[in-house]
Amino acid sequence: MAYGPLDTTQKQIRLLHLASADRDEDEIKCSFSLASLDEDIDYEALSYAWGDTNDTVPIKEMGQGAYKYTSSSTAPRKLGSGH
């Protein structure tokens, strides 16, 4: 999926919203939104690239195709469930 450029004058960032998963076997689903660092926003940071790049699991962007997520697939599941 292609995204337009971020507006640096408004300090925009893209936020990844993870849907809750009840089990480790559940498919990981997500959506994106824009936010400004000038606003009071609540978010957690997670590196998207670590570990073995051959150890991947699919992540579905809601309404879009699949992406690959590298390594430690339990991390996005735990963040999506609110810990």
Protein backbone atom coordinates (compact mmCIF):
# COMPACT_ATOMS: atom_id res chain seq x y z
CA MET A 1 0.00 0.00 0.00
CA ALA A 2 1.30 3.45 -0.87
CA TYR A 3 1.06 6.37 1.52
CA GLY A 4 1.49 10.04 0.85
CA PRO A 5 4.26 12.04 2.48
CA LEU A 6 3.93 13.20 6.07
CA ASP A 7 3.49 16.92 6.73
CA THR A 8 6.70 17.83 8.53
CA THR A 9 5.43 21.34 9.31
CA GLN A 10 2.77 19.68 11.49
CA LYS A 11 5.21 17.06 12.86
CA GLN A 12 3.04 14.22 11.57
CA ILE A 13 3.70 10.58 12.35
CA ARG A 14 1.88 7.42 11.33
CA LEU A 15 0.38 5.37 14.13
CA LEU A 16 -0.15 1.64 13.74
CA HIS A 17 -3.25 0.42 15.58
CA LEU A 18 -3.13 -3.28 16.44
CA ALA A 19 -6.38 -5.19 16.85
CA SER A 20 -6.63 -7.41 19.92
CA ALA A 21 -5.75 -11.07 19.55
CA ASP A 22 -6.90 -13.62 22.11
CA ARG A 23 -4.43 -16.35 21.16
CA ASP A 24 -0.89 -16.42 19.75
CA GLU A 25 -2.26 -18.31 16.74
CA ASP A 26 -4.71 -15.51 15.85
CA GLU A 27 -4.00 -13.45 12.75
CA ILE A 28 -2.46 -10.06 13.48
CA LYS A 29 -4.63 -7.23 12.12
CA CYS A 30 -3.86 -3.53 12.06
CA SER A 31 -4.82 -0.12 10.71
CA PHE A 32 -2.97 3.19 10.37
CA SER A 33 -3.80 6.78 11.26
CA LEU A 34 -1.98 10.12 11.20
CA ALA A 35 -1.16 12.11 14.32
CA SER A 36 0.89 15.18 15.15
CA LEU A 37 3.64 15.25 17.73
CA ASP A 38 2.31 18.71 18.63
CA GLU A 39 -0.84 17.00 20.01
CA ASP A 40 -1.17 15.17 23.30
CA ILE A 41 -1.22 11.60 21.95
CA ASP A 42 -0.75 8.31 23.75
CA TYR A 43 1.30 5.69 21.94
CA GLU A 44 3.91 2.98 22.43
CA ALA A 45 6.95 2.64 20.18
CA LEU A 46 7.91 -0.72 18.71
CA SER A 47 10.77 -1.43 16.33
CA TYR A 48 9.54 -3.23 13.24
CA ALA A 49 12.88 -4.81 12.33
CA TRP A 50 14.80 -7.01 14.70
CA GLY A 51 15.95 -10.60 14.92
CA ASP A 52 15.95 -13.16 12.13
CA THR A 53 14.50 -11.64 8.94
CA ASN A 54 13.58 -15.16 7.78
CA ASP A 55 11.32 -15.62 10.84
CA THR A 56 8.21 -13.71 9.79
CA VAL A 57 4.46 -13.83 10.33
CA PRO A 58 1.80 -12.16 8.18
CA ILE A 59 0.05 -9.01 9.38
CA LYS A 60 -3.13 -7.90 7.64
CA GLU A 61 -3.90 -4.22 7.30
CA MET A 62 -7.67 -4.07 7.65
CA GLY A 63 -9.16 -3.88 4.18
CA GLN A 64 -5.75 -4.32 2.51
CA GLY A 65 -3.25 -7.03 1.66
CA ALA A 66 -0.81 -8.77 3.97
CA TYR A 67 2.47 -7.38 5.25
CA LYS A 68 5.30 -9.33 6.82
CA TYR A 69 6.32 -8.74 10.41
CA THR A 70 9.79 -9.81 11.42
CA SER A 71 10.67 -11.94 14.41
CA SER A 72 9.19 -11.84 17.93
CA SER A 73 5.62 -12.11 16.70
CA THR A 74 4.31 -12.15 20.27
CA ALA A 75 5.33 -8.49 20.80
CA PRO A 76 2.70 -7.00 18.46
CA ARG A 77 0.07 -9.38 19.84
CA LYS A 78 0.79 -8.27 23.40
CA LEU A 79 0.74 -4.56 22.47
CA GLY A 80 -2.52 -5.02 20.55
CA SER A 81 -4.16 -6.63 23.57
CA GLY A 82 -3.29 -3.74 25.89
CA HIS A 83 -0.68 -5.98 27.63
